[in-house]
């Protein structure tokens, strides 16, 4: 059994089910990223674990402690759960110094003065804030303010850290820097992390496992590489990583795209469950499509965008768009030029399967 366990957890707001029978376990020292679009239920899940929302069904446990149980009619208040929480907004008090912000939750717990000083100094040291301990948060950058929020959460020596899109308000440079700092803190202190984000690259970089949600329902749970390489469905394929989808006609003459044939051997065999269907969808990733001089799926380059180390192409195939990404060192066709595409790792989905 995992350290943090959610069993059949459900939350409703009126007639809307925000989280539907969620089952998930998080091991001690593991980082689980909850990934999904806005409104999918990931923040509601985090708030139920924190105790800010009560559950309508199911049970939440940490170790051998029950935190919430609908069957047992039990609910433990947030202040007794010993969880550190970092929000999207920095939520630091501007009238207090950095040191006072970090010490505040310890004073609320009425810890001895010597212990407050020790824990505060330790948290400031581990978040590289000791040198600005007597500054006000408004004197710090966005990354500095988020470090204050992290230090405040660390000072209580939490059993679990709950992070709700903590980096989304930072600029790209600080966001990347803070990713590494959060991961280093986790390794150093060994706490479990539940990390909510809609940024798939952030989830891939930080997590040991990813939970992908949609409309309150879990779509897939697995290691980042597993979720990326073997998505459970079309939604996961579309949400985790860049993707393109080609509508394909199926018939006796073989798969075909309007205005372009699909040469034999270009795409994987059609799954048995799609046999007899009039249409299907062929899914590709930009990094797994090659340009070929002859043959391949014929199209015309409509756009070429320079992205630093990568060049992003939009290729029109039979009135549909396929994205291709190549390193800046690889030659590629110019806008308006005809080209052939080789699909190296395409996969089939049902035409009526929503992404």
Protein backbone atom coordinates (compact mmCIF):
# COMPACT_ATOMS: atom_id res chain seq x y z
CA UNK A 1 0.00 0.00 0.00
CA UNK A 2 1.21 3.50 -0.82
CA UNK A 3 1.99 6.20 1.73
CA UNK A 4 -0.74 8.58 0.49
CA UNK A 5 -3.82 6.62 -0.53
CA UNK A 6 -7.00 7.91 -2.15
CA UNK A 7 -9.71 5.25 -2.44
CA UNK A 8 -12.84 5.87 -4.53
CA UNK A 9 -12.62 9.58 -3.73
CA UNK A 10 -15.49 11.59 -5.20
CA UNK A 11 -16.37 15.29 -5.01
CA UNK A 12 -19.51 16.96 -6.34
CA UNK A 13 -20.48 20.60 -6.63
CA UNK A 14 -24.24 20.65 -7.12
CA UNK A 15 -24.99 18.49 -10.14
CA UNK A 16 -21.36 18.50 -11.34
CA UNK A 17 -19.00 15.67 -10.41
CA UNK A 18 -15.59 17.34 -10.18
CA UNK A 19 -13.72 14.16 -9.17
CA UNK A 20 -15.19 10.75 -9.91
CA UNK A 21 -14.13 7.66 -7.91
CA UNK A 22 -10.42 8.47 -7.87
CA UNK A 23 -8.09 5.64 -6.85
CA UNK A 24 -4.39 6.46 -6.54
CA UNK A 25 -1.46 5.67 -4.26
CA UNK A 26 1.69 7.76 -3.76
CA UNK A 27 4.76 6.14 -2.23
CA UNK A 28 6.87 7.77 0.44
CA UNK A 29 9.43 10.03 -1.22
CA UNK A 30 7.63 9.91 -4.56
CA UNK A 31 6.54 12.88 -6.66
CA UNK A 32 3.19 12.36 -8.39
CA UNK A 33 2.25 15.06 -10.89
CA UNK A 34 -1.46 15.52 -11.55
CA UNK A 35 -1.75 16.74 -15.11
CA UNK A 36 -4.75 17.85 -17.09
CA UNK A 37 -6.60 20.84 -18.58
CA UNK A 38 -8.27 23.53 -16.49
CA UNK A 39 -11.36 22.21 -14.76
CA UNK A 40 -10.36 18.54 -14.90
CA UNK A 41 -10.43 18.10 -11.09
CA UNK A 42 -6.75 18.12 -10.23
CA UNK A 43 -6.83 21.16 -7.90
CA UNK A 44 -10.03 19.88 -6.27
CA UNK A 45 -8.21 16.61 -5.58
CA UNK A 46 -5.30 18.47 -3.99
CA UNK A 47 -7.69 20.53 -1.85
CA UNK A 48 -9.38 17.34 -0.61
CA UNK A 49 -6.00 15.88 0.36
CA UNK A 50 -5.12 19.15 2.12
CA UNK A 51 -8.45 19.18 3.93
CA UNK A 52 -9.72 22.42 2.38
CA UNK A 53 -12.59 20.45 0.80
CA UNK A 54 -14.35 17.48 2.37
CA UNK A 55 -15.00 14.40 0.27
CA UNK A 56 -18.45 13.19 -0.78
CA UNK A 57 -17.40 9.55 -1.10
CA UNK A 58 -14.34 7.42 -0.43
CA UNK A 59 -11.39 7.69 1.91
CA UNK A 60 -8.02 9.47 2.12
CA UNK A 61 -5.17 8.07 4.22
CA UNK A 62 -1.53 8.95 4.90
CA UNK A 63 0.39 6.02 6.27
CA UNK A 64 -1.83 4.46 8.92
CA UNK A 65 -3.73 7.72 9.56
CA UNK A 66 -7.20 8.30 8.16
CA UNK A 67 -7.60 11.92 7.04
CA UNK A 68 -11.07 11.79 5.52
CA UNK A 69 -13.60 8.97 5.41
CA UNK A 70 -17.17 9.31 4.28
CA UNK A 71 -18.08 5.82 5.47
CA UNK A 72 -16.50 6.48 8.86
CA UNK A 73 -17.92 10.02 8.99
CA UNK A 74 -14.45 11.32 9.82
CA UNK A 75 -12.67 14.51 8.76
CA UNK A 76 -9.33 15.77 10.06
CA UNK A 77 -8.92 19.58 9.81
CA UNK A 78 -6.10 20.94 7.58
CA UNK A 79 -4.03 22.28 10.47
CA UNK A 80 -3.74 18.77 11.94
CA UNK A 81 -2.60 17.03 8.74
CA UNK A 82 1.01 18.33 8.83
CA UNK A 83 1.13 19.07 5.13
CA UNK A 84 3.14 21.80 3.47
CA UNK A 85 1.24 23.67 0.76
CA UNK A 86 2.55 26.02 -1.93
CA UNK A 87 0.03 27.86 -4.09
CA UNK A 88 0.14 29.40 -7.55
CA UNK A 89 -0.03 32.84 -5.91
CA UNK A 90 2.99 33.29 -3.66
CA UNK A 91 0.74 33.95 -0.61
CA UNK A 92 3.51 35.61 1.39
CA UNK A 93 2.81 38.42 3.85
CA UNK A 94 4.33 41.66 2.50
CA UNK A 95 4.47 43.38 5.93
CA UNK A 96 6.65 40.60 7.39
CA UNK A 97 10.30 39.93 6.64
CA UNK A 98 11.35 36.73 4.87
CA UNK A 99 12.40 35.27 8.24
CA UNK A 100 9.09 36.22 9.86
CA UNK A 101 7.13 34.69 6.97
CA UNK A 102 8.93 31.38 7.38
CA UNK A 103 8.67 31.38 11.18
CA UNK A 104 4.96 32.29 11.26
CA UNK A 105 3.44 28.77 11.05
CA UNK A 106 5.86 27.59 13.74
CA UNK A 107 4.76 30.40 16.06
CA UNK A 108 1.13 29.48 15.42
CA UNK A 109 2.00 25.98 16.65
CA UNK A 110 3.52 27.54 19.81
CA UNK A 111 6.84 25.75 19.43
CA UNK A 112 9.71 26.75 21.75
CA UNK A 113 11.65 29.82 20.60
CA UNK A 114 14.89 27.88 20.16
CA UNK A 115 13.19 25.30 17.95
CA UNK A 116 11.51 28.02 15.88
CA UNK A 117 14.88 29.66 15.30
CA UNK A 118 16.55 26.36 14.38
CA UNK A 119 13.83 25.26 11.94
CA UNK A 120 13.55 28.70 10.36
CA UNK A 121 17.29 28.99 9.80
CA UNK A 122 17.40 25.46 8.38
CA UNK A 123 14.56 26.17 5.93
CA UNK A 124 16.14 29.48 4.84
CA UNK A 125 19.50 27.77 4.32
CA UNK A 126 18.07 24.99 2.17
CA UNK A 127 16.20 27.48 -0.04
CA UNK A 128 19.18 29.89 -0.36
CA UNK A 129 17.34 32.68 1.47
CA UNK A 130 19.53 33.14 4.54
CA UNK A 131 21.23 36.18 3.00
CA UNK A 132 17.89 37.99 2.55
CA UNK A 133 16.26 36.82 5.79
CA UNK A 134 15.60 40.39 6.95
CA UNK A 135 14.34 41.67 3.58
CA UNK A 136 10.69 42.16 2.70
CA UNK A 137 9.16 39.81 0.09
CA UNK A 138 8.46 42.78 -2.21
CA UNK A 139 12.23 43.30 -2.48
CA UNK A 140 12.60 39.83 -4.04
CA UNK A 141 11.99 38.51 -7.54
CA UNK A 142 9.12 36.16 -8.33
CA UNK A 143 11.47 33.22 -7.90
CA UNK A 144 12.59 34.61 -4.55
CA UNK A 145 9.01 34.94 -3.32
CA UNK A 146 8.28 31.37 -4.35
CA UNK A 147 11.35 30.25 -2.39
CA UNK A 148 9.86 31.98 0.66
CA UNK A 149 6.66 30.00 0.20
CA UNK A 150 8.69 26.79 -0.13
CA UNK A 151 10.78 27.60 2.95
CA UNK A 152 7.64 28.28 4.98
CA UNK A 153 6.24 24.87 3.95
CA UNK A 154 9.56 23.13 4.72
CA UNK A 155 9.85 24.68 8.18
CA UNK A 156 6.96 22.61 9.55
CA UNK A 157 8.76 19.44 8.42
CA UNK A 158 5.77 18.19 6.46
CA UNK A 159 4.83 14.58 5.85
CA UNK A 160 3.64 15.54 2.37
CA UNK A 161 4.15 18.61 0.15
CA UNK A 162 1.16 19.77 -1.90
CA UNK A 163 2.09 22.07 -4.79
CA UNK A 164 -0.67 23.76 -6.80
CA UNK A 165 0.81 25.13 -10.04
CA UNK A 166 3.54 26.88 -8.01
CA UNK A 167 5.62 27.94 -11.03
CA UNK A 168 2.98 29.16 -13.48
CA UNK A 169 3.39 32.84 -12.55
CA UNK A 170 7.19 32.79 -13.01
CA UNK A 171 9.03 33.68 -16.18
CA UNK A 172 10.59 30.76 -18.13
CA UNK A 173 14.09 31.20 -16.66
CA UNK A 174 12.93 31.14 -13.03
CA UNK A 175 10.45 28.35 -13.78
CA UNK A 176 13.19 26.03 -15.00
CA UNK A 177 15.45 26.98 -12.09
CA UNK A 178 12.73 26.29 -9.52
CA UNK A 179 11.94 22.88 -11.05
CA UNK A 180 15.43 21.68 -10.17
CA UNK A 181 15.31 23.26 -6.71
CA UNK A 182 12.02 21.56 -5.83
CA UNK A 183 13.37 18.19 -6.98
CA UNK A 184 16.57 18.69 -4.98
CA UNK A 185 14.57 19.54 -1.84
CA UNK A 186 12.47 16.41 -2.28
CA UNK A 187 15.56 14.22 -2.54
CA UNK A 188 17.16 15.91 0.46
CA UNK A 189 14.15 15.66 2.80
CA UNK A 190 12.44 12.54 1.40
CA UNK A 191 8.86 13.82 1.57
CA UNK A 192 6.14 12.83 -0.88
CA UNK A 193 4.89 15.45 -3.34
CA UNK A 194 1.52 15.84 -5.02
CA UNK A 195 2.15 18.36 -7.76
CA UNK A 196 -0.71 19.92 -9.75
CA UNK A 197 0.07 21.41 -13.16
CA UNK A 198 -1.34 21.78 -16.66
CA UNK A 199 2.21 22.10 -18.06
CA UNK A 200 3.21 18.70 -19.43
CA UNK A 201 6.92 19.56 -19.69
CA UNK A 202 6.92 20.55 -16.00
CA UNK A 203 5.23 17.28 -15.07
CA UNK A 204 7.73 15.26 -17.13
CA UNK A 205 10.73 17.02 -15.56
CA UNK A 206 9.65 16.78 -11.92
CA UNK A 207 7.61 13.65 -11.40
CA UNK A 208 8.32 10.01 -10.74
CA UNK A 209 4.83 9.26 -12.06
CA UNK A 210 2.16 11.26 -13.87
CA UNK A 211 -1.59 11.05 -13.33
CA UNK A 212 -3.52 12.41 -16.30
CA UNK A 213 -7.08 13.58 -15.56
CA UNK A 214 -9.99 14.61 -17.73
CA UNK A 215 -13.41 15.79 -16.51
CA UNK A 216 -12.75 14.33 -13.06
CA UNK A 217 -11.76 10.88 -14.33
CA UNK A 218 -8.26 9.39 -14.36
CA UNK A 219 -7.11 8.60 -17.90
CA UNK A 220 -3.70 7.10 -17.13
CA UNK A 221 -1.13 6.78 -14.35
CA UNK A 222 2.47 5.87 -15.09
CA UNK A 223 6.09 6.92 -15.35
CA UNK A 224 6.62 9.96 -17.62
CA UNK A 225 8.28 7.84 -20.32
CA UNK A 226 5.47 5.28 -20.19
CA UNK A 227 2.72 7.90 -20.49
CA UNK A 228 4.53 9.61 -23.36
CA UNK A 229 5.44 6.48 -25.32
CA UNK A 230 2.34 4.39 -24.60
CA UNK A 231 -0.60 6.75 -24.07
CA UNK A 232 -3.77 5.03 -22.91
CA UNK A 233 -6.00 6.88 -25.37
CA UNK A 234 -6.18 9.73 -27.86
CA UNK A 235 -6.71 12.34 -25.14
CA UNK A 236 -3.47 11.36 -23.38
CA UNK A 237 -1.61 11.30 -26.70
CA UNK A 238 -2.84 14.83 -27.45
CA UNK A 239 -2.24 16.27 -23.99
CA UNK A 240 1.19 14.83 -23.19
CA UNK A 241 3.54 16.05 -25.91
CA UNK A 242 2.96 17.71 -29.27
CA UNK A 243 0.75 15.86 -31.71
CA UNK A 244 -1.00 15.91 -35.09
CA UNK A 245 -4.09 13.96 -36.12
CA UNK A 246 -4.93 12.99 -39.71
CA UNK A 247 -8.45 11.92 -40.64
CA UNK A 248 -8.10 8.84 -42.85
CA UNK A 249 -10.69 7.11 -45.05
CA UNK A 250 -10.72 3.34 -44.80
CA UNK A 251 -11.89 1.19 -47.66
CA UNK A 252 -11.06 -1.72 -49.94
CA UNK A 253 -8.32 0.29 -51.61
CA UNK A 254 -6.55 0.83 -48.30
CA UNK A 255 -6.21 3.93 -46.09
CA UNK A 256 -6.33 7.28 -47.90
CA UNK A 257 -6.30 10.97 -47.01
CA UNK A 258 -8.29 13.41 -49.16
CA UNK A 259 -5.97 14.55 -51.92
CA UNK A 260 -3.11 12.25 -50.88
CA UNK A 261 -2.55 8.50 -50.89
CA UNK A 262 -1.09 6.61 -47.98
CA UNK A 263 1.64 4.48 -49.57
CA UNK A 264 1.87 0.85 -48.45
CA UNK A 265 4.11 0.43 -45.41
CA UNK A 266 3.90 4.11 -44.45
CA UNK A 267 1.64 3.61 -41.44
CA UNK A 268 1.22 0.75 -38.92
CA UNK A 269 -1.31 -2.04 -39.55
CA UNK A 270 -4.89 -1.15 -38.77
CA UNK A 271 -5.98 -2.57 -35.37
CA UNK A 272 -8.63 -5.27 -35.48
CA UNK A 273 -11.14 -3.12 -33.60
CA UNK A 274 -11.08 -0.56 -36.44
CA UNK A 275 -11.61 -3.16 -39.16
CA UNK A 276 -14.72 -2.27 -41.14
CA UNK A 277 -14.86 1.31 -39.87
CA UNK A 278 -15.31 3.94 -42.61
CA UNK A 279 -12.78 6.32 -41.03
CA UNK A 280 -9.99 6.43 -38.48
CA UNK A 281 -7.46 8.90 -37.15
CA UNK A 282 -3.70 8.57 -37.60
CA UNK A 283 -1.77 10.24 -34.76
CA UNK A 284 1.82 11.45 -35.08
CA UNK A 285 4.34 13.44 -33.07
CA UNK A 286 6.35 16.21 -34.79
CA UNK A 287 9.65 14.67 -33.67
CA UNK A 288 8.72 11.31 -35.22
CA UNK A 289 8.06 12.52 -38.78
CA UNK A 290 10.86 12.71 -41.36
CA UNK A 291 11.11 14.51 -44.68
CA UNK A 292 11.85 12.24 -47.66
CA UNK A 293 12.84 13.29 -51.18
CA UNK A 294 10.69 10.66 -52.89
CA UNK A 295 7.60 8.71 -51.89
CA UNK A 296 6.05 9.15 -48.49
CA UNK A 297 2.88 11.04 -47.70
CA UNK A 298 2.83 14.01 -50.09
CA UNK A 299 2.15 17.51 -48.82
CA UNK A 300 3.13 21.18 -49.09
CA UNK A 301 4.97 23.23 -46.45
CA UNK A 302 2.75 26.11 -45.33
CA UNK A 303 4.89 27.47 -42.52
CA UNK A 304 8.43 27.16 -41.21
CA UNK A 305 9.23 28.64 -37.79
CA UNK A 306 12.66 28.94 -36.23
CA UNK A 307 12.57 27.96 -32.52
CA UNK A 308 16.24 28.15 -31.61
CA UNK A 309 17.56 24.60 -31.63
CA UNK A 310 14.46 23.36 -33.44
CA UNK A 311 12.69 24.29 -36.68
CA UNK A 312 8.91 23.75 -36.67
CA UNK A 313 7.13 23.00 -39.95
CA UNK A 314 3.42 23.01 -40.75
CA UNK A 315 2.74 20.74 -43.68
CA UNK A 316 -0.66 20.63 -45.40
CA UNK A 317 -1.74 17.14 -46.42
CA UNK A 318 -5.10 16.87 -48.14
CA UNK A 319 -6.43 19.98 -46.41
CA UNK A 320 -5.15 18.88 -42.98
CA UNK A 321 -2.08 19.97 -41.05
CA UNK A 322 0.84 17.83 -39.91
CA UNK A 323 3.57 19.30 -37.71
CA UNK A 324 7.20 18.31 -38.19
CA UNK A 325 10.12 19.34 -35.99
CA UNK A 326 13.77 19.03 -36.94
CA UNK A 327 16.98 20.35 -35.43
CA UNK A 328 18.30 23.55 -36.96
CA UNK A 329 21.20 21.60 -38.47
CA UNK A 330 18.95 19.34 -40.56
CA UNK A 331 18.00 20.57 -44.03
CA UNK A 332 14.29 20.96 -44.70
CA UNK A 333 11.94 22.25 -47.40
CA UNK A 334 11.04 25.91 -47.77
CA UNK A 335 7.52 27.34 -47.38
CA UNK A 336 5.46 26.56 -50.48
CA UNK A 337 7.62 23.60 -51.40
CA UNK A 338 6.17 20.11 -51.96
CA UNK A 339 7.59 17.37 -49.76
CA UNK A 340 7.15 13.77 -48.69
CA UNK A 341 6.61 12.67 -45.08
CA UNK A 342 7.70 9.43 -43.45
CA UNK A 343 5.69 8.62 -40.30
CA UNK A 344 8.06 6.69 -38.06
CA UNK A 345 5.86 5.98 -35.03
CA UNK A 346 2.25 6.72 -35.93
CA UNK A 347 -0.68 5.09 -34.16
CA UNK A 348 -4.36 4.60 -34.93
CA UNK A 349 -7.39 5.87 -33.02
CA UNK A 350 -11.11 5.59 -33.70
CA UNK A 351 -12.53 8.54 -35.63
CA UNK A 352 -15.14 9.22 -32.93
CA UNK A 353 -12.65 9.09 -30.05
CA UNK A 354 -12.39 12.61 -28.67
CA UNK A 355 -9.10 14.26 -27.86
